Amino acid sequence: ADLKKQLGTVKPLTSVPIMRDLPKDKRRKTHIQLRGSYLSLGEEVSPGVPQVFGSLPQGSNPDRLAMAKWLVDRENPLTARVVANRFWENLFGVGLVLTSEEFGSQGERPSHPELLDWLAVEFMDRGWDVKKFLRLLVTSSAYRQKSHVSDEMAALDPDNRLVARGPRVRLSAEMIRDQALAVSGLLSSKMYGVPVRPPQPNLGLKAAFGGGTDWSTSSGEDKFRRGLYTSWRRSSPYPSMATFGAPNREVCTVRRGNTNTPLQALVTLNDPVYIEAAQALSRRMVEQKGTVANMIKHGFQLCLSRPPNEVETSRLIAFYDSTRSKYAADRKLAQEMATNPIGPVPKDVDIVELATLTVISNVLLNLDETLMKR
């Protein structure tokens, strides 16, 4: 009886479906569909690779597995070079080959060809292990340089193609949102599942969705999941991310363009996602239960991963005092700032102080140093 009880607590093994080719005698015939119609079939075709790629090694089966092995074969360094360049671009802001989408005759030559070759070989030697390769890049002396640029270097190398300084690039659209949620303590680590719908302006929804406003904002933990899981409709892309240059997915985008517009500041200052993140961050600051300076330093440390200097602290305290006076004279406005949309004020917390710290948090989340990687 005890054995049966113990067996009942054992989790069953999870089966994973594996796709395999049918035997040759059981494979269905495939025909070209004339004008894309399955009713108009043309000549019979067999598996193979596009002629532009050349031909598979002699004796290989013309299937996807053979093509995959062919692409990552050590005698074909192009794949490793392209991947290494993409990771370099993600970390440094610009690839060793500027045109990361084009390595052919129409693309730009690498700024450091020998370095790119070495990185490609190193990536293959490390078993195509992405984590090991990224660790190699972020621990390099090139990546760990200061991002400060002198007037002389700005004139000689404005785009840092010589890698004479550390990278200084703005975070991507998804990262900006995720970072705000992370420092505020709201970000959900939940994985998989259906797409989620963060708050979105109602403007244009009726036209975009065929006359119906079927965009219902996700609730609970789902609302704070990573930007990776955000529902995306080509007819109405998520405005917050689109403002920061996220692709609209109508065409394949290999390299995102860098944009800098006043509208981006309006998003991070007023979008419901960032307001709620500021409200949550202010509650983390209140939990310190110390002086105003201590609470501000705690929020500053969470956002920038460093303590503020004396000048920064004095400016934030002065702004705190002026903002607190405003909300002390209008407690209804303070209530709105501290609770909408996050919810009721925690017990034994002054509504005026919480509203004031919400504004301070909003400022911290909008600092250049918060939105930039440097």
Protein backbone atom coordinates (compact mmCIF):
# COMPACT_ATOMS: atom_id res chain seq x y z
CA ALA A 1 0.00 0.00 0.00
CA ASP A 2 2.83 2.38 0.89
CA LEU A 3 4.60 1.56 -2.36
CA LYS A 4 1.46 2.32 -4.37
CA LYS A 5 1.08 5.59 -2.48
CA GLN A 6 4.67 6.56 -3.29
CA LEU A 7 4.22 5.60 -6.93
CA GLY A 8 1.17 7.83 -7.05
CA THR A 9 3.28 10.85 -6.11
CA VAL A 10 5.77 10.28 -8.91
CA LYS A 11 5.23 12.67 -11.78
CA PRO A 12 4.66 10.93 -15.11
CA LEU A 13 7.32 11.35 -17.76
CA THR A 14 6.60 14.07 -20.27
CA SER A 15 6.53 12.82 -23.83
CA VAL A 16 7.95 15.06 -26.52
CA PRO A 17 6.75 14.54 -30.11
CA ILE A 18 9.63 14.16 -32.56
CA MET A 19 9.14 14.74 -36.27
CA ARG A 20 10.73 12.11 -38.53
CA ASP A 21 10.75 11.58 -42.26
CA LEU A 22 8.48 8.92 -43.68
CA PRO A 23 10.09 6.05 -45.58
CA LYS A 24 10.59 6.83 -49.26
CA ASP A 25 7.85 4.45 -50.33
CA LYS A 26 5.31 6.20 -48.07
CA ARG A 27 6.12 9.81 -48.83
CA ARG A 28 3.39 11.75 -50.53
CA LYS A 29 4.03 13.32 -53.90
CA THR A 30 4.51 17.08 -53.93
CA HIS A 31 3.60 19.27 -56.89
CA ILE A 32 4.07 22.93 -57.67
CA GLN A 33 0.77 24.72 -57.10
CA LEU A 34 0.15 26.93 -60.11
CA ARG A 35 -0.63 30.49 -59.01
CA GLY A 36 -0.77 29.15 -55.46
CA SER A 37 -3.92 27.10 -56.04
CA TYR A 38 -4.02 23.56 -54.66
CA LEU A 39 -6.54 22.76 -57.40
CA SER A 40 -4.04 23.52 -60.16
CA LEU A 41 -1.04 21.23 -59.76
CA GLY A 42 2.06 21.48 -61.91
CA GLU A 43 5.13 19.29 -62.17
CA GLU A 44 6.21 17.01 -59.35
CA VAL A 45 9.12 18.26 -57.22
CA SER A 46 11.49 16.62 -54.77
CA PRO A 47 13.33 17.93 -51.66
CA GLY A 48 16.46 19.99 -52.22
CA VAL A 49 18.14 23.28 -51.45
CA PRO A 50 17.72 26.49 -53.45
CA GLN A 51 20.14 26.64 -56.37
CA VAL A 52 21.54 29.93 -55.08
CA PHE A 53 23.07 27.98 -52.17
CA GLY A 54 24.90 25.57 -54.43
CA SER A 55 24.52 21.84 -53.81
CA LEU A 56 24.67 19.60 -50.76
CA PRO A 57 27.75 17.40 -50.20
CA GLN A 58 27.73 14.30 -52.36
CA GLY A 59 25.92 11.40 -50.75
CA SER A 60 23.80 13.56 -48.42
CA ASN A 61 20.07 13.05 -48.14
CA PRO A 62 18.28 16.10 -49.52
CA ASP A 63 16.43 16.89 -46.29
CA ARG A 64 16.36 19.62 -43.65
CA LEU A 65 18.77 17.83 -41.31
CA ALA A 66 21.40 17.61 -44.03
CA MET A 67 20.93 21.27 -44.87
CA ALA A 68 21.23 22.26 -41.19
CA LYS A 69 24.47 20.31 -40.81
CA TRP A 70 25.71 21.84 -44.04
CA LEU A 71 25.05 25.37 -42.79
CA VAL A 72 27.05 24.86 -39.59
CA ASP A 73 29.87 22.85 -41.14
CA ARG A 74 33.31 24.20 -40.23
CA GLU A 75 34.10 24.53 -43.92
CA ASN A 76 31.31 27.11 -44.11
CA PRO A 77 32.45 30.01 -41.87
CA LEU A 78 29.72 32.37 -43.07
CA THR A 79 27.11 31.17 -40.56
CA ALA A 80 29.43 31.60 -37.58
CA ARG A 81 30.58 35.01 -38.85
CA VAL A 82 27.01 36.25 -39.21
CA VAL A 83 25.97 34.99 -35.76
CA ALA A 84 29.09 36.38 -34.07
CA ASN A 85 28.47 39.75 -35.71
CA ARG A 86 24.84 39.78 -34.52
CA PHE A 87 25.84 39.18 -30.90
CA TRP A 88 28.54 41.85 -31.16
CA GLU A 89 25.94 44.26 -32.55
CA ASN A 90 23.52 43.51 -29.70
CA LEU A 91 26.15 44.31 -27.09
CA PHE A 92 28.12 47.12 -28.73
CA GLY A 93 25.28 48.80 -30.61
CA VAL A 94 26.91 48.36 -34.02
CA GLY A 95 28.31 45.25 -35.64
CA LEU A 96 31.86 44.69 -36.83
CA VAL A 97 30.06 44.48 -40.17
CA LEU A 98 27.75 47.48 -40.11
CA THR A 99 25.30 45.90 -42.55
CA SER A 100 24.45 42.89 -40.39
CA GLU A 101 21.69 41.99 -42.84
CA GLU A 102 24.07 41.86 -45.81
CA PHE A 103 27.43 40.07 -45.84
CA GLY A 104 27.62 39.93 -49.63
CA SER A 105 28.95 42.32 -52.23
CA GLN A 106 26.31 44.93 -51.36
CA GLY A 107 27.32 45.00 -47.69
CA GLU A 108 30.01 46.95 -45.87
CA ARG A 109 33.41 45.45 -45.18
CA PRO A 110 34.14 44.58 -41.51
CA SER A 111 35.88 47.23 -39.46
CA HIS A 112 38.05 44.54 -37.81
CA PRO A 113 38.16 41.56 -40.23
CA GLU A 114 40.71 39.54 -38.25
CA LEU A 115 38.71 39.98 -35.05
CA LEU A 116 35.53 38.82 -36.78
CA ASP A 117 37.32 35.73 -38.11
CA TRP A 118 38.68 34.95 -34.65
CA LEU A 119 35.26 35.36 -33.03
CA ALA A 120 33.66 33.06 -35.61
CA VAL A 121 36.25 30.33 -35.02
CA GLU A 122 36.03 30.80 -31.25
CA PHE A 123 32.24 30.46 -31.41
CA MET A 124 32.54 27.17 -33.30
CA ASP A 125 35.31 25.90 -31.00
CA ARG A 126 33.06 26.56 -28.02
CA GLY A 127 30.45 24.24 -29.50
CA TRP A 128 28.19 27.06 -30.69
CA ASP A 129 27.44 27.72 -27.01
CA VAL A 130 25.71 31.12 -26.90
CA LYS A 131 26.17 31.67 -23.15
CA LYS A 132 29.90 30.98 -23.31
CA PHE A 133 30.26 33.26 -26.30
CA LEU A 134 28.35 36.12 -24.68
CA ARG A 135 30.44 35.71 -21.54
CA LEU A 136 33.54 36.05 -23.70
CA LEU A 137 32.28 39.34 -25.13
CA VAL A 138 31.05 40.99 -21.91
CA THR A 139 34.24 40.12 -20.02
CA SER A 140 36.48 41.50 -22.76
CA SER A 141 38.49 44.67 -22.16
CA ALA A 142 36.78 46.21 -25.21
CA TYR A 143 33.32 45.89 -23.68
CA ARG A 144 34.40 46.99 -20.19
CA GLN A 145 35.87 50.29 -21.36
CA LYS A 146 34.39 53.57 -20.15
CA SER A 147 31.78 54.96 -22.54
CA HIS A 148 32.94 58.54 -21.98
CA VAL A 149 34.04 60.17 -25.22
CA SER A 150 36.41 63.09 -25.56
CA ASP A 151 35.92 65.87 -28.09
CA GLU A 152 38.91 64.57 -30.03
CA MET A 153 37.55 61.02 -30.27
CA ALA A 154 34.07 62.30 -31.11
CA ALA A 155 35.55 64.09 -34.11
CA LEU A 156 37.77 61.19 -35.19
CA ASP A 157 35.35 58.32 -34.58
CA PRO A 158 31.78 59.52 -33.88
CA ASP A 159 30.24 56.07 -34.41
CA ASN A 160 32.88 54.22 -32.35
CA ARG A 161 33.82 51.99 -35.26
CA LEU A 162 37.34 51.73 -33.83
CA VAL A 163 35.96 50.45 -30.48
CA ALA A 164 38.09 53.04 -28.68
CA ARG A 165 35.46 53.36 -25.93
CA GLY A 166 32.76 51.26 -24.35
CA PRO A 167 29.28 50.97 -25.89
CA ARG A 168 26.66 53.60 -25.19
CA VAL A 169 23.33 52.67 -26.74
CA ARG A 170 19.71 53.06 -25.77
CA LEU A 171 17.89 49.96 -24.64
CA SER A 172 15.50 48.34 -27.11
CA ALA A 173 11.76 48.97 -26.92
CA GLU A 174 11.12 45.70 -25.10
CA MET A 175 14.02 46.19 -22.69
CA ILE A 176 12.89 49.69 -21.67
CA ARG A 177 9.51 48.35 -20.60
CA ASP A 178 10.94 45.24 -18.95
CA GLN A 179 13.52 47.26 -17.04
CA ALA A 180 10.88 49.61 -15.62
CA LEU A 181 8.85 46.63 -14.44
CA ALA A 182 11.95 44.87 -13.07
CA VAL A 183 13.23 47.72 -10.88
CA SER A 184 9.70 48.33 -9.59
CA GLY A 185 9.33 44.68 -8.59
CA LEU A 186 6.39 44.06 -10.95
CA LEU A 187 8.06 42.04 -13.71
CA SER A 188 6.70 38.49 -13.95
CA SER A 189 9.10 35.65 -14.72
CA LYS A 190 6.26 33.45 -15.95
CA MET A 191 7.14 31.66 -19.17
CA TYR A 192 5.17 30.30 -22.13
CA GLY A 193 1.42 30.53 -22.62
CA VAL A 194 -0.79 32.80 -24.67
CA PRO A 195 0.22 36.36 -25.63
CA VAL A 196 -0.62 39.11 -23.14
CA ARG A 197 -2.19 42.49 -23.72
CA PRO A 198 -0.79 45.46 -21.79
CA PRO A 199 -2.77 48.71 -21.58
CA GLN A 200 -3.17 50.40 -24.94
CA PRO A 201 -4.88 53.64 -26.03
CA ASN A 202 -8.36 53.13 -27.48
CA LEU A 203 -7.64 55.43 -30.40
CA GLY A 204 -7.82 53.48 -33.64
CA LEU A 205 -8.82 50.14 -32.15
CA LYS A 206 -12.29 50.16 -33.67
CA ALA A 207 -10.98 50.74 -37.17
CA ALA A 208 -8.07 48.37 -36.80
CA PHE A 209 -10.06 45.42 -35.52
CA GLY A 210 -12.87 45.43 -38.06
CA GLY A 211 -15.31 47.55 -36.11
CA GLY A 212 -14.92 45.85 -32.73
CA THR A 213 -12.84 46.94 -29.75
CA ASP A 214 -11.80 43.43 -28.71
CA TRP A 215 -8.55 44.52 -27.04
CA SER A 216 -9.06 43.58 -23.41
CA THR A 217 -6.11 44.40 -21.16
CA SER A 218 -4.63 41.38 -19.42
CA SER A 219 -5.06 41.23 -15.66
CA GLY A 220 -3.03 40.04 -12.71
CA GLU A 221 0.46 38.69 -13.28
CA ASP A 222 0.00 38.43 -17.05
CA LYS A 223 -0.07 42.21 -17.40
CA PHE A 224 3.53 42.35 -16.15
CA ARG A 225 5.08 39.62 -18.24
CA ARG A 226 8.10 40.35 -20.41
CA GLY A 227 7.69 42.28 -23.63
CA LEU A 228 8.49 39.08 -25.51
CA TYR A 229 4.95 37.88 -24.81
CA THR A 230 3.13 41.05 -25.88
CA SER A 231 0.30 40.44 -28.33
CA TRP A 232 1.10 42.07 -31.66
CA ARG A 233 -1.28 42.89 -34.49
CA ARG A 234 0.06 44.29 -37.70
CA SER A 235 -3.11 46.34 -38.09
CA SER A 236 -2.51 47.97 -34.70
CA PRO A 237 0.99 47.49 -33.25
CA TYR A 238 1.54 48.13 -29.55
CA PRO A 239 2.11 51.93 -29.55
CA SER A 240 4.56 52.03 -26.64
CA MET A 241 7.03 49.71 -28.37
CA ALA A 242 6.40 51.08 -31.86
CA THR A 243 7.37 54.53 -30.60
CA PHE A 244 10.78 53.18 -29.61
CA GLY A 245 11.43 51.61 -33.00
CA ALA A 246 10.09 48.08 -32.56
CA PRO A 247 9.48 46.54 -36.03
CA ASN A 248 5.89 46.43 -37.25
CA ARG A 249 6.45 42.85 -38.49
CA GLU A 250 5.14 43.61 -41.96
CA VAL A 251 8.62 42.88 -43.29
CA CYS A 252 11.61 41.04 -41.86
CA THR A 253 13.82 43.48 -39.94
CA VAL A 254 17.36 42.34 -39.22
CA ARG A 255 18.79 45.64 -37.96
CA ARG A 256 16.64 48.15 -36.10
CA GLY A 257 17.14 51.82 -36.75
CA ASN A 258 17.97 54.21 -33.91
CA THR A 259 15.38 56.93 -33.34
CA ASN A 260 15.16 59.80 -30.87
CA THR A 261 11.88 61.73 -30.79
CA PRO A 262 9.97 63.81 -28.18
CA LEU A 263 7.14 61.29 -28.39
CA GLN A 264 9.34 58.70 -26.69
CA ALA A 265 9.64 60.88 -23.59
CA LEU A 266 5.86 61.30 -23.54
CA VAL A 267 5.49 57.51 -23.51
CA THR A 268 7.83 56.87 -20.58
CA LEU A 269 6.33 59.79 -18.65
CA ASN A 270 2.63 59.09 -19.21
CA ASP A 271 2.01 55.54 -20.47
CA PRO A 272 -0.02 53.52 -17.89
CA VAL A 273 2.69 50.83 -17.79
CA TYR A 274 5.36 53.31 -16.71
CA ILE A 275 3.03 55.14 -14.30
CA GLU A 276 2.22 51.85 -12.58
CA ALA A 277 5.91 50.96 -12.49
CA ALA A 278 6.65 54.32 -10.84
CA GLN A 279 3.90 53.70 -8.28
CA ALA A 280 5.30 50.28 -7.45
CA LEU A 281 8.84 51.66 -7.20
CA SER A 282 7.65 54.36 -4.79
CA ARG A 283 6.22 51.66 -2.54
CA ARG A 284 9.56 49.89 -2.52
CA MET A 285 11.15 53.19 -1.49
CA VAL A 286 8.62 53.73 1.31
CA GLU A 287 9.45 50.31 2.72
CA GLN A 288 12.86 51.71 3.70
CA LYS A 289 11.10 53.71 6.46
CA GLY A 290 14.00 56.10 6.82
CA THR A 291 14.74 59.68 5.92
CA VAL A 292 13.74 61.17 2.60
CA ALA A 293 17.36 60.96 1.49
CA ASN A 294 17.53 57.25 2.30
CA MET A 295 14.34 56.49 0.37
CA ILE A 296 15.54 58.45 -2.64
CA LYS A 297 18.94 56.76 -2.53
CA HIS A 298 17.25 53.35 -2.46
CA GLY A 299 15.17 54.12 -5.56
CA PHE A 300 18.21 55.61 -7.30
CA GLN A 301 20.25 52.49 -6.56
CA LEU A 302 17.49 50.23 -7.93
CA CYS A 303 17.29 52.16 -11.20
CA LEU A 304 20.94 52.98 -11.88
CA SER A 305 22.81 50.27 -9.92
CA ARG A 306 24.88 52.95 -8.19
CA PRO A 307 24.33 55.40 -5.31
CA PRO A 308 23.64 59.06 -6.16
CA ASN A 309 26.33 61.66 -5.56
CA GLU A 310 25.77 64.70 -3.34
CA VAL A 311 24.59 66.96 -6.16
CA GLU A 312 22.09 64.39 -7.45
CA THR A 313 20.79 63.74 -3.93
CA SER A 314 20.31 67.44 -3.13
CA ARG A 315 18.47 68.07 -6.41
CA LEU A 316 16.12 65.15 -5.87
CA ILE A 317 15.42 66.21 -2.27
CA ALA A 318 14.66 69.76 -3.43
CA PHE A 319 12.30 68.38 -6.08
CA TYR A 320 10.72 66.14 -3.43
CA ASP A 321 10.03 69.15 -1.17
CA SER A 322 8.40 71.21 -3.93
CA THR A 323 6.30 68.28 -5.15
CA ARG A 324 5.19 67.38 -1.63
CA SER A 325 3.92 70.93 -1.10
CA LYS A 326 1.80 70.59 -4.23
CA TYR A 327 0.18 67.33 -3.13
CA ALA A 328 -0.25 68.46 0.48
CA ALA A 329 -2.51 71.22 -0.87
CA ASP A 330 -4.55 68.77 -2.98
CA ARG A 331 -4.95 65.34 -1.36
CA LYS A 332 -7.42 64.27 -4.04
CA LEU A 333 -4.75 64.76 -6.68
CA ALA A 334 -2.30 62.88 -4.46
CA GLN A 335 -4.75 59.99 -4.19
CA GLU A 336 -5.03 59.80 -7.97
CA MET A 337 -1.27 59.87 -8.50
CA ALA A 338 -0.52 57.21 -5.87
CA THR A 339 -3.30 54.70 -6.62
CA ASN A 340 -4.38 54.85 -10.27
CA PRO A 341 -3.92 52.25 -11.71
CA ILE A 342 -1.94 50.21 -9.15
CA GLY A 343 -4.53 50.10 -6.37
CA PRO A 344 -5.11 51.12 -2.72
CA VAL A 345 -2.48 52.74 -0.54
CA PRO A 346 -0.67 50.31 1.81
CA LYS A 347 -1.58 50.49 5.48
CA ASP A 348 0.07 53.23 7.58
CA VAL A 349 1.51 55.00 4.53
CA ASP A 350 1.01 58.73 4.05
CA ILE A 351 -0.79 59.35 0.76
CA VAL A 352 1.04 62.64 0.19
CA GLU A 353 4.45 61.05 0.68
CA LEU A 354 3.56 58.13 -1.59
CA ALA A 355 2.33 60.42 -4.36
CA THR A 356 5.48 62.52 -4.08
CA LEU A 357 7.73 59.47 -4.28
CA THR A 358 5.74 58.29 -7.31
CA VAL A 359 6.75 61.46 -9.13
CA ILE A 360 10.36 60.98 -7.99
CA SER A 361 10.22 57.39 -9.26
CA ASN A 362 8.89 58.58 -12.60
CA VAL A 363 11.85 60.92 -12.88
CA LEU A 364 14.31 58.13 -12.04
CA LEU A 365 12.78 55.83 -14.66
CA ASN A 366 13.18 58.57 -17.27
CA LEU A 367 16.81 59.42 -16.60
CA ASP A 368 19.13 59.11 -19.58
CA GLU A 369 21.33 56.79 -17.53
CA THR A 370 18.33 54.53 -16.88
CA LEU A 371 17.32 54.24 -20.51
CA MET A 372 20.84 53.91 -21.88
CA LYS A 373 23.33 51.08 -21.62
CA ARG A 374 26.78 52.45 -20.99
